[in-house]
Amino acid sequence: MSTTDAPKKPRETDDVPVPATLRKSLKNRHIQLIALGGAIGTGLFYGSSESIALAGPSILLAYLVGGLAIFAIVRALSEMSVEDPKAGAFSYYATRYWSKRAGFISGWNYWFNYILVSMVELSVVGSFVNYWFPAIPTWVSAAVFLVIICAANLLGVSKFGEFEFWFAIIKIVAVIAMIIGGLAVIIFVLPTASGVRASFANWFTVGNGFFPNGLMGQNSDGSWTGLLMALVVVMFSFGGTELIGITAGETEDPKTTIPRATNDIIWRILVFYIGALGVIMAVVPWNTIDGKSSPFVQIFDSVGIHAAAGILNFVCLTAVMSVYNSGLYANSRMLYSLAKQGNAPAYLGKLNAKGVPVAGVLTSAVITAIAVVVVFVWPEFAFNYLMSIATIAGIINWTMIMFTEMKFRKVVAAGGAPEDSELAGKSGKEALDAIHFKLPFAKVTPWVVLAFLTLVVVLMCFSASYRVAVIAGVIWLAILFAAYQLTQAKK
């Protein structure tokens, strides 16, 4: 029989019936935009006001330093994802290369983190809808968007990728339009509402210069401010960039796509954070950015484009949908991975004909819905305590990624690389040299990142709003350890 007559293996797409496995349906353009969109959210559009108020123009240095740390964290995760692309990323790697306890803690920590983040995003979606339709109850908006995003995730991973692709396009266009508009104001010396001439010199001449609050100082009310305190706010605005690792198990060509998306993180931070905020502070005096409205609205308002608030409202609505879409996807894959490890009920490890862990999607959606109800009934409890856990859970996740990467290298050097990897059969320096996408300066980088994350936690203790997160983090870790011991005792 000729090769043309041989039966063809069915393609792993969402629409062709093949055995129930995760489908490698995410294309390069999906991964690139998922990675890009993950770094742009309401933290940039609205949260940047808080960081600018703390550090002034020196906030650009905070985003650069924080961005380098996030780049190293994602590079460490991508090193493992390229060699061993699996669903559940952090949890799977922690189990495979560290211990089952580490996998349990990593997986459930990340799942609960995204449940809480999704809870907040869905609870505020109504405020964006009410901008145009004030008569619609906020809980109705939350319910509608929860159902829509849940349905999209059940259609298959390629549909999830398509949704994220277009959500990211909207956010990217908005930021680029702002940058181009701001540069036009600077270049053509257009008049602004503040009366201050738009210029990059404003970084150094407005409000006590580039370092108006120094590295760290205390206000008259006892609150702390300065460049170091801004690092705390900055780091949490980068949450979501690690989603690249979650997608590796369903990517068509992880060896090419994952490294490209990871390496592009640097220019994304330079353009979308440092570039955007740099232009904003050149056009709008930084000491007039008070947080009452988004800096992005202020820059358009300053040149007479008063429809900016409505446009940004639409962009933020899509950003909220994007976060929940990503959160539901990540959580369903995390539950699937935990089930395969024996760290979650077995029913969560089942896939439908489209390769979707339906039980994981629906379970995460139901728990998120319950969490949203908690927000509406006890808003103060939800935002003060549940979000504190979400805040510290990000630090726990990044810390475990760095420790797992070091464990991964030890296992590889000992000859324990995955059997289907090019590293199989190799050990020692030969195996480490053969790693396809290496973490730069791998002997030192993890420790530098861990020291930086420790500094961030220490700085959190100086802030009343973040201090509760540190306390909650200790309690949360104790709960996870106890939960693991209980599950093992039952077995």
Protein backbone atom coordinates (compact mmCIF):
# COMPACT_ATOMS: atom_id res chain seq x y z
CA MET A 1 0.00 0.00 0.00
CA SER A 2 1.36 3.44 -0.92
CA THR A 3 1.79 6.12 1.70
CA THR A 4 -0.99 8.11 0.05
CA ASP A 5 -3.38 5.20 0.58
CA ALA A 6 -2.40 4.67 4.23
CA PRO A 7 -5.02 5.62 6.78
CA LYS A 8 -4.39 9.08 8.13
CA LYS A 9 -4.15 9.80 11.82
CA PRO A 10 -6.98 12.14 12.83
CA ARG A 11 -5.92 15.67 13.63
CA GLU A 12 -6.16 16.73 17.27
CA THR A 13 -8.68 19.54 16.86
CA ASP A 14 -11.75 20.35 18.88
CA ASP A 15 -14.10 19.30 16.04
CA VAL A 16 -12.66 15.92 14.99
CA PRO A 17 -13.58 12.93 17.20
CA VAL A 18 -10.38 11.36 18.57
CA PRO A 19 -9.73 9.56 21.86
CA ALA A 20 -10.35 11.66 24.96
CA THR A 21 -7.04 13.47 25.46
CA LEU A 22 -6.06 17.10 25.82
CA ARG A 23 -5.82 18.59 22.33
CA LYS A 24 -2.75 20.44 21.11
CA SER A 25 -4.97 23.00 19.38
CA LEU A 26 -3.43 26.27 20.56
CA LYS A 27 -1.56 27.89 17.66
CA ASN A 28 1.40 30.24 17.81
CA ARG A 29 -0.80 33.34 17.43
CA HIS A 30 -2.97 32.18 20.34
CA ILE A 31 0.03 31.70 22.66
CA GLN A 32 1.60 35.01 21.67
CA LEU A 33 -1.59 36.96 22.38
CA ILE A 34 -2.43 34.97 25.55
CA ALA A 35 1.02 35.82 26.88
CA LEU A 36 0.69 39.44 25.79
CA GLY A 37 -2.85 39.88 27.11
CA GLY A 38 -1.91 38.27 30.42
CA ALA A 39 0.36 41.21 31.19
CA ILE A 40 -2.29 43.84 30.42
CA GLY A 41 -5.32 44.21 32.65
CA THR A 42 -7.18 46.51 34.97
CA GLY A 43 -3.99 46.63 37.06
CA LEU A 44 -2.43 48.71 34.28
CA PHE A 45 -5.51 50.72 33.32
CA TYR A 46 -6.54 51.64 36.88
CA GLY A 47 -4.02 50.22 39.37
CA SER A 48 -1.13 52.21 37.90
CA SER A 49 -2.57 55.31 39.61
CA GLU A 50 -1.68 53.86 43.02
CA SER A 51 1.88 52.98 42.01
CA ILE A 52 2.47 56.43 40.43
CA ALA A 53 1.22 58.12 43.62
CA LEU A 54 3.73 56.09 45.66
CA ALA A 55 6.84 56.62 43.53
CA GLY A 56 6.20 59.34 40.95
CA PRO A 57 8.20 58.98 37.70
CA SER A 58 10.61 56.53 39.41
CA ILE A 59 7.78 54.00 39.10
CA LEU A 60 9.32 53.26 35.68
CA LEU A 61 12.32 51.74 37.48
CA ALA A 62 9.98 49.67 39.66
CA TYR A 63 8.28 48.22 36.58
CA LEU A 64 11.68 47.48 35.03
CA VAL A 65 13.01 45.69 38.13
CA GLY A 66 9.73 43.86 38.73
CA GLY A 67 9.56 42.97 35.05
CA LEU A 68 13.01 41.40 35.13
CA ALA A 69 11.94 39.28 38.12
CA ILE A 70 8.77 38.14 36.35
CA PHE A 71 10.79 37.38 33.21
CA ALA A 72 13.11 35.14 35.23
CA ILE A 73 10.14 33.37 36.85
CA VAL A 74 8.47 32.68 33.50
CA ARG A 75 11.81 31.61 31.98
CA ALA A 76 12.22 29.09 34.82
CA LEU A 77 8.72 27.75 34.20
CA SER A 78 9.23 27.69 30.43
CA GLU A 79 12.49 25.74 30.82
CA MET A 80 10.41 22.91 32.28
CA SER A 81 7.41 23.42 29.97
CA VAL A 82 9.47 23.03 26.81
CA GLU A 83 11.13 19.79 27.96
CA ASP A 84 8.01 18.34 29.58
CA PRO A 85 4.83 20.07 28.27
CA LYS A 86 2.00 18.99 30.55
CA ALA A 87 -1.33 20.36 31.72
CA GLY A 88 -1.25 21.78 35.21
CA ALA A 89 2.33 23.03 34.76
CA PHE A 90 3.36 24.16 38.27
CA SER A 91 1.54 21.39 40.09
CA TYR A 92 2.69 18.64 37.72
CA TYR A 93 6.33 19.78 37.82
CA ALA A 94 6.29 20.19 41.61
CA THR A 95 4.95 16.61 41.93
CA ARG A 96 7.27 15.11 39.31
CA TYR A 97 10.51 16.81 40.36
CA TRP A 98 9.95 17.73 44.01
CA SER A 99 7.31 15.81 46.00
CA LYS A 100 3.64 14.93 45.98
CA ARG A 101 3.10 17.35 48.87
CA ALA A 102 4.68 20.19 46.85
CA GLY A 103 2.41 19.35 43.91
CA PHE A 104 -0.65 19.37 46.15
CA ILE A 105 0.21 22.75 47.68
CA SER A 106 1.24 24.31 44.37
CA GLY A 107 -1.86 23.12 42.51
CA TRP A 108 -4.50 23.95 45.11
CA ASN A 109 -2.83 27.28 45.91
CA TYR A 110 -2.96 28.32 42.25
CA TRP A 111 -6.53 27.05 41.81
CA PHE A 112 -7.81 28.92 44.85
CA ASN A 113 -5.87 32.02 43.83
CA TYR A 114 -7.64 32.16 40.48
CA ILE A 115 -11.01 31.42 42.09
CA LEU A 116 -10.57 34.55 44.21
CA VAL A 117 -9.26 36.64 41.33
CA SER A 118 -12.19 35.49 39.17
CA MET A 119 -14.53 36.30 42.05
CA VAL A 120 -13.35 39.91 42.15
CA GLU A 121 -13.43 40.31 38.37
CA LEU A 122 -17.00 39.00 38.14
CA SER A 123 -18.13 41.09 41.10
CA VAL A 124 -16.99 44.32 39.41
CA VAL A 125 -18.18 43.47 35.90
CA GLY A 126 -21.56 44.94 36.79
CA SER A 127 -20.03 48.36 37.44
CA PHE A 128 -18.72 48.47 33.86
CA VAL A 129 -22.07 47.34 32.44
CA ASN A 130 -23.89 49.93 34.59
CA TYR A 131 -21.88 52.68 32.89
CA TRP A 132 -24.21 52.22 29.91
CA PHE A 133 -27.14 50.35 31.50
CA PRO A 134 -27.54 51.55 35.10
CA ALA A 135 -30.85 49.70 35.57
CA ILE A 136 -29.30 46.22 35.22
CA PRO A 137 -28.53 44.67 38.66
CA THR A 138 -24.83 43.92 39.08
CA TRP A 139 -25.53 40.29 40.00
CA VAL A 140 -27.32 39.79 36.66
CA SER A 141 -24.25 41.02 34.76
CA ALA A 142 -22.02 38.69 36.79
CA ALA A 143 -24.29 35.71 36.12
CA VAL A 144 -24.54 36.38 32.38
CA PHE A 145 -20.79 36.71 31.88
CA LEU A 146 -20.11 33.65 34.03
CA VAL A 147 -22.39 31.55 31.79
CA ILE A 148 -20.92 32.99 28.56
CA ILE A 149 -17.30 32.35 29.55
CA CYS A 150 -18.12 28.92 30.95
CA ALA A 151 -19.81 27.97 27.67
CA ALA A 152 -16.81 29.21 25.68
CA ASN A 153 -14.46 27.01 27.72
CA LEU A 154 -16.65 23.96 27.18
CA LEU A 155 -16.40 24.34 23.39
CA GLY A 156 -12.73 23.33 23.32
CA VAL A 157 -9.28 24.76 23.89
CA SER A 158 -9.04 26.34 20.43
CA LYS A 159 -12.21 28.35 21.16
CA PHE A 160 -10.68 29.50 24.45
CA GLY A 161 -7.58 30.56 22.51
CA GLU A 162 -9.69 32.45 19.98
CA PHE A 163 -11.55 34.34 22.72
CA GLU A 164 -8.28 35.29 24.41
CA PHE A 165 -6.77 36.33 21.06
CA TRP A 166 -9.47 38.93 20.44
CA PHE A 167 -9.66 40.07 24.06
CA ALA A 168 -5.91 40.73 23.91
CA ILE A 169 -6.19 42.57 20.58
CA ILE A 170 -8.67 45.04 22.12
CA LYS A 171 -6.38 45.76 25.09
CA ILE A 172 -3.30 46.09 22.90
CA VAL A 173 -4.97 48.49 20.47
CA ALA A 174 -6.14 50.65 23.40
CA VAL A 175 -2.64 50.94 24.90
CA ILE A 176 -0.95 51.57 21.54
CA ALA A 177 -3.55 54.24 20.67
CA MET A 178 -2.83 55.97 23.98
CA ILE A 179 0.94 55.87 23.37
CA ILE A 180 0.62 57.23 19.82
CA GLY A 181 -1.83 59.91 20.96
CA GLY A 182 0.46 60.94 23.81
CA LEU A 183 3.52 61.09 21.56
CA ALA A 184 1.58 63.28 19.11
CA VAL A 185 0.78 65.71 21.95
CA ILE A 186 4.48 65.83 22.90
CA ILE A 187 5.89 66.11 19.37
CA PHE A 188 3.41 68.73 18.11
CA VAL A 189 3.34 70.60 21.44
CA LEU A 190 -0.45 70.46 21.63
CA PRO A 191 -2.12 72.31 24.51
CA THR A 192 -3.18 70.24 27.54
CA ALA A 193 -5.88 70.73 30.17
CA SER A 194 -3.28 71.11 32.96
CA GLY A 195 -1.57 74.01 31.22
CA VAL A 196 1.79 72.25 31.64
CA ARG A 197 3.63 71.73 28.35
CA ALA A 198 3.82 68.03 27.47
CA SER A 199 7.44 66.91 27.62
CA PHE A 200 9.53 64.02 28.89
CA ALA A 201 11.37 66.67 30.92
CA ASN A 202 8.29 66.67 33.18
CA TRP A 203 9.62 63.46 34.73
CA PHE A 204 12.38 65.53 36.34
CA THR A 205 10.81 68.99 36.77
CA VAL A 206 7.31 68.30 38.13
CA GLY A 207 6.64 67.60 41.83
CA ASN A 208 10.15 67.22 43.29
CA GLY A 209 11.65 65.40 40.32
CA PHE A 210 12.18 61.79 39.34
CA PHE A 211 12.42 60.45 42.92
CA PRO A 212 9.83 62.62 44.71
CA ASN A 213 9.40 60.19 47.62
CA GLY A 214 12.88 58.62 47.57
CA LEU A 215 13.47 54.91 48.00
CA MET A 216 11.24 54.71 51.05
CA GLY A 217 9.78 57.25 53.45
CA GLN A 218 6.94 57.83 55.88
CA ASN A 219 4.09 60.28 55.43
CA SER A 220 2.64 62.41 58.22
CA ASP A 221 -0.23 59.92 58.61
CA GLY A 222 2.22 57.08 59.25
CA SER A 223 1.83 55.41 55.85
CA TRP A 224 4.93 54.42 53.91
CA THR A 225 5.71 55.58 50.39
CA GLY A 226 8.55 55.59 47.87
CA LEU A 227 10.04 53.42 45.13
CA LEU A 228 10.38 50.28 47.27
CA MET A 229 6.76 50.42 48.46
CA ALA A 230 5.63 50.78 44.84
CA LEU A 231 7.33 47.44 44.06
CA VAL A 232 4.55 45.66 45.98
CA VAL A 233 1.82 47.16 43.77
CA VAL A 234 3.89 46.62 40.64
CA MET A 235 4.50 42.92 41.24
CA PHE A 236 0.83 42.10 41.57
CA SER A 237 0.04 43.90 38.33
CA PHE A 238 2.15 41.22 36.59
CA GLY A 239 -0.04 38.38 37.86
CA GLY A 240 -1.19 36.16 35.00
CA THR A 241 2.00 36.14 32.93
CA GLU A 242 2.72 32.59 34.15
CA LEU A 243 -0.31 31.37 32.17
CA ILE A 244 2.14 30.55 29.35
CA GLY A 245 3.21 27.46 31.33
CA ILE A 246 -0.38 26.23 31.73
CA THR A 247 -0.92 26.31 27.95
CA ALA A 248 2.17 24.21 27.12
CA GLY A 249 0.28 20.91 27.33
CA GLU A 250 -2.17 22.05 24.63
CA THR A 251 0.21 23.90 22.31
CA GLU A 252 0.91 22.69 18.79
CA ASP A 253 4.67 23.29 18.91
CA PRO A 254 5.79 24.10 22.48
CA LYS A 255 9.51 23.93 21.62
CA THR A 256 9.12 26.92 19.29
CA THR A 257 6.10 28.78 20.60
CA ILE A 258 6.80 28.83 24.35
CA PRO A 259 10.37 30.26 24.07
CA ARG A 260 9.19 32.94 21.65
CA ALA A 261 6.30 34.01 23.87
CA THR A 262 8.51 33.98 26.96
CA ASN A 263 11.34 36.03 25.47
CA ASP A 264 8.85 38.62 24.24
CA ILE A 265 7.84 39.38 27.85
CA ILE A 266 10.67 41.91 28.13
CA TRP A 267 9.55 44.11 25.23
CA ARG A 268 5.93 43.82 26.34
CA ILE A 269 6.85 45.27 29.72
CA LEU A 270 9.00 47.96 28.09
CA VAL A 271 6.23 49.02 25.69
CA PHE A 272 3.00 48.39 27.56
CA TYR A 273 4.05 49.38 31.07
CA ILE A 274 7.15 51.55 30.95
CA GLY A 275 6.34 53.08 27.55
CA ALA A 276 2.68 53.74 28.34
CA LEU A 277 3.23 55.18 31.81
CA GLY A 278 6.24 57.15 30.63
CA VAL A 279 4.13 58.87 27.99
CA ILE A 280 1.28 59.46 30.46
CA MET A 281 3.58 61.20 32.95
CA ALA A 282 5.05 63.31 30.14
CA VAL A 283 1.59 64.60 29.15
CA VAL A 284 -0.24 64.60 32.51
CA PRO A 285 1.77 65.88 35.53
CA TRP A 286 2.25 62.82 37.73
CA ASN A 287 1.14 64.66 40.89
CA THR A 288 -2.30 65.29 39.35
CA ILE A 289 -2.90 61.54 38.86
CA ASP A 290 -5.00 60.97 41.96
CA GLY A 291 -6.72 57.66 41.22
CA LYS A 292 -10.19 59.18 40.90
CA SER A 293 -10.08 58.20 37.23
CA SER A 294 -7.74 56.09 35.14
CA PRO A 295 -4.50 57.73 33.94
CA PHE A 296 -5.51 56.54 30.47
CA VAL A 297 -8.72 58.57 30.68
CA GLN A 298 -6.82 61.58 31.97
CA ILE A 299 -4.40 61.63 29.05
CA PHE A 300 -7.22 61.67 26.49
CA ASP A 301 -9.25 64.17 28.52
CA SER A 302 -6.23 66.46 28.66
CA VAL A 303 -6.31 66.88 24.87
CA GLY A 304 -10.09 67.16 24.58
CA ILE A 305 -11.08 63.57 23.71
CA HIS A 306 -13.85 63.26 26.29
CA ALA A 307 -15.21 59.97 24.95
CA ALA A 308 -12.14 58.31 26.49
CA ALA A 309 -14.02 57.24 29.64
CA GLY A 310 -16.55 55.28 27.61
CA ILE A 311 -13.86 53.72 25.44
CA LEU A 312 -11.79 52.69 28.46
CA ASN A 313 -14.91 51.31 30.14
CA PHE A 314 -15.36 48.97 27.16
CA VAL A 315 -11.67 48.00 27.22
CA CYS A 316 -11.82 47.25 30.96
CA LEU A 317 -14.98 45.19 30.46
CA THR A 318 -13.13 43.01 27.93
CA ALA A 319 -10.12 42.88 30.28
CA VAL A 320 -12.33 41.55 33.07
CA MET A 321 -13.82 38.94 30.73
CA SER A 322 -10.30 38.00 29.62
CA VAL A 323 -9.13 37.46 33.21
CA TYR A 324 -12.10 35.22 34.00
CA ASN A 325 -11.72 33.35 30.72
CA SER A 326 -8.04 32.67 31.50
CA GLY A 327 -8.83 31.87 35.12
CA LEU A 328 -11.47 29.29 34.25
CA TYR A 329 -9.18 27.68 31.68
CA ALA A 330 -6.21 27.56 34.08
CA ASN A 331 -8.33 26.24 36.94
CA SER A 332 -9.92 23.44 34.93
CA ARG A 333 -6.48 22.26 33.74
CA MET A 334 -5.09 22.53 37.25
CA LEU A 335 -7.89 20.34 38.66
CA TYR A 336 -7.32 17.87 35.80
CA SER A 337 -3.62 17.69 36.66
CA LEU A 338 -4.29 17.37 40.40
CA ALA A 339 -6.70 14.51 39.72
CA LYS A 340 -4.10 12.70 37.60
CA GLN A 341 -1.61 13.06 40.47
CA GLY A 342 -4.11 11.64 42.94
CA ASN A 343 -4.31 15.01 44.69
CA ALA A 344 -7.95 15.68 43.72
CA PRO A 345 -11.10 13.58 43.19
CA ALA A 346 -10.82 11.26 40.18
CA TYR A 347 -13.91 12.67 38.42
CA LEU A 348 -11.97 15.90 37.78
CA GLY A 349 -9.52 14.00 35.57
CA LYS A 350 -12.10 12.97 32.96
CA LEU A 351 -12.23 14.59 29.51
CA ASN A 352 -15.07 14.87 27.01
CA ALA A 353 -14.80 14.08 23.29
CA LYS A 354 -13.39 17.57 22.62
CA GLY A 355 -10.57 17.04 25.11
CA VAL A 356 -12.08 19.42 27.68
CA PRO A 357 -12.01 18.58 31.42
CA VAL A 358 -15.72 19.40 31.74
CA ALA A 359 -15.92 18.52 35.43
CA GLY A 360 -13.01 20.87 36.13
CA VAL A 361 -14.65 23.71 34.19
CA LEU A 362 -18.06 23.29 35.84
CA THR A 363 -16.65 22.76 39.34
CA SER A 364 -14.52 25.89 39.09
CA ALA A 365 -17.45 27.87 37.68
CA VAL A 366 -19.79 26.79 40.49
CA ILE A 367 -17.25 27.60 43.22
CA THR A 368 -16.60 30.99 41.59
CA ALA A 369 -20.35 31.67 41.52
CA ILE A 370 -20.56 30.90 45.25
CA ALA A 371 -17.60 33.21 45.88
CA VAL A 372 -19.33 36.00 43.93
CA VAL A 373 -22.42 35.58 46.11
CA VAL A 374 -20.14 36.00 49.15
CA VAL A 375 -18.89 39.29 47.65
CA PHE A 376 -22.41 40.63 47.23
CA VAL A 377 -23.54 39.50 50.71
CA TRP A 378 -20.35 40.25 52.71
CA PRO A 379 -18.26 42.62 50.54
CA GLU A 380 -16.02 43.81 53.36
CA PHE A 381 -15.12 40.25 54.39
CA ALA A 382 -14.49 39.20 50.79
CA PHE A 383 -12.24 42.06 49.83
CA ASN A 384 -10.33 42.34 53.12
CA TYR A 385 -9.64 38.68 53.75
CA LEU A 386 -10.25 36.56 50.66
CA MET A 387 -8.32 38.98 48.44
CA SER A 388 -5.50 39.02 50.97
CA ILE A 389 -5.09 35.30 50.35
CA ALA A 390 -5.18 35.90 46.59
CA THR A 391 -2.51 38.56 46.98
CA ILE A 392 -0.06 36.34 48.85
CA ALA A 393 -0.95 33.25 46.78
CA GLY A 394 0.80 34.84 43.80
CA ILE A 395 4.02 35.15 45.79
CA ILE A 396 3.68 31.52 46.97
CA ASN A 397 3.18 30.38 43.37
CA TRP A 398 6.23 32.25 42.04
CA THR A 399 8.37 31.02 44.94
CA MET A 400 7.43 27.40 44.26
CA ILE A 401 8.21 27.78 40.55
CA MET A 402 11.78 28.83 41.37
CA PHE A 403 12.32 26.00 43.87
CA THR A 404 10.81 23.49 41.42
CA GLU A 405 13.14 24.63 38.64
CA MET A 406 16.15 23.91 40.86
CA LYS A 407 14.69 20.47 41.69
CA PHE A 408 14.07 19.89 37.97
CA ARG A 409 17.74 20.50 37.17
CA LYS A 410 18.87 18.10 39.91
CA VAL A 411 16.62 15.35 38.53
CA VAL A 412 17.81 15.99 34.96
CA ALA A 413 21.46 15.92 36.06
CA ALA A 414 20.78 12.60 37.80
CA GLY A 415 19.47 11.11 34.55
CA GLY A 416 15.78 11.35 35.45
CA ALA A 417 14.60 13.44 32.50
CA PRO A 418 11.21 12.58 30.91
CA GLU A 419 11.41 9.54 28.62
CA ASP A 420 9.94 11.40 25.64
CA SER A 421 12.38 14.29 26.04
CA GLU A 422 15.61 14.77 24.08
CA LEU A 423 17.32 14.72 27.48
CA ALA A 424 16.39 11.05 28.04
CA GLY A 425 19.42 8.84 28.56
CA LYS A 426 21.68 11.75 29.42
CA SER A 427 22.98 12.85 32.80
CA GLY A 428 25.31 15.32 34.47
CA LYS A 429 26.63 18.29 32.53
CA GLU A 430 25.67 16.66 29.23
CA ALA A 431 22.00 16.60 30.24
CA LEU A 432 22.00 20.17 31.59
CA ASP A 433 23.74 21.46 28.44
CA ALA A 434 21.10 19.74 26.30
CA ILE A 435 18.19 21.65 27.89
CA HIS A 436 16.49 23.35 24.97
CA PHE A 437 15.43 26.62 26.63
CA LYS A 438 17.73 27.32 29.58
CA LEU A 439 17.11 29.75 32.41
CA PRO A 440 19.99 32.28 32.15
CA PHE A 441 22.59 31.95 34.92
CA ALA A 442 20.58 29.06 36.37
CA LYS A 443 22.88 28.55 39.37
CA VAL A 444 22.32 32.10 40.61
CA THR A 445 19.06 33.43 39.12
CA PRO A 446 16.61 31.39 41.26
CA TRP A 447 18.26 32.61 44.48
CA VAL A 448 18.26 36.22 43.30
CA VAL A 449 14.54 35.97 42.45
CA LEU A 450 13.75 34.30 45.79
CA ALA A 451 15.62 37.08 47.63
CA PHE A 452 13.63 39.66 45.66
CA LEU A 453 10.30 37.97 46.48
CA THR A 454 11.32 37.87 50.15
CA LEU A 455 11.96 41.62 49.98
CA VAL A 456 8.48 42.14 48.52
CA VAL A 457 6.90 40.19 51.40
CA VAL A 458 8.88 42.25 53.94
CA LEU A 459 7.73 45.47 52.23
CA MET A 460 4.13 44.25 52.40
CA CYS A 461 4.44 44.28 56.19
CA PHE A 462 4.93 48.08 56.06
CA SER A 463 1.55 48.60 54.39
CA ALA A 464 -1.66 48.29 56.41
CA SER A 465 -3.59 47.07 53.36
CA TYR A 466 -1.02 44.39 52.50
CA ARG A 467 0.01 43.40 56.03
CA VAL A 468 -3.13 41.31 56.45
CA ALA A 469 -2.10 39.43 53.27
CA VAL A 470 1.16 38.28 54.89
CA ILE A 471 -0.70 37.01 57.97
CA ALA A 472 -3.30 35.36 55.73
CA GLY A 473 -0.50 33.75 53.72
CA VAL A 474 0.95 32.00 56.77
CA ILE A 475 -2.50 30.74 57.79
CA TRP A 476 -3.26 29.69 54.21
CA LEU A 477 -0.05 27.64 53.92
CA ALA A 478 -0.84 25.95 57.25
CA ILE A 479 -4.31 25.04 55.91
CA LEU A 480 -2.80 23.56 52.73
CA PHE A 481 -0.26 21.49 54.71
CA ALA A 482 -3.01 20.24 57.02
CA ALA A 483 -5.29 19.42 54.08
CA TYR A 484 -2.55 17.36 52.46
CA GLN A 485 -1.92 15.42 55.65
CA LEU A 486 -5.66 14.75 56.02
CA THR A 487 -5.98 13.43 52.46
CA GLN A 488 -2.99 11.15 52.94
CA ALA A 489 -4.35 9.88 56.27
CA LYS A 490 -7.66 8.97 54.61
CA LYS A 491 -5.86 7.05 51.89
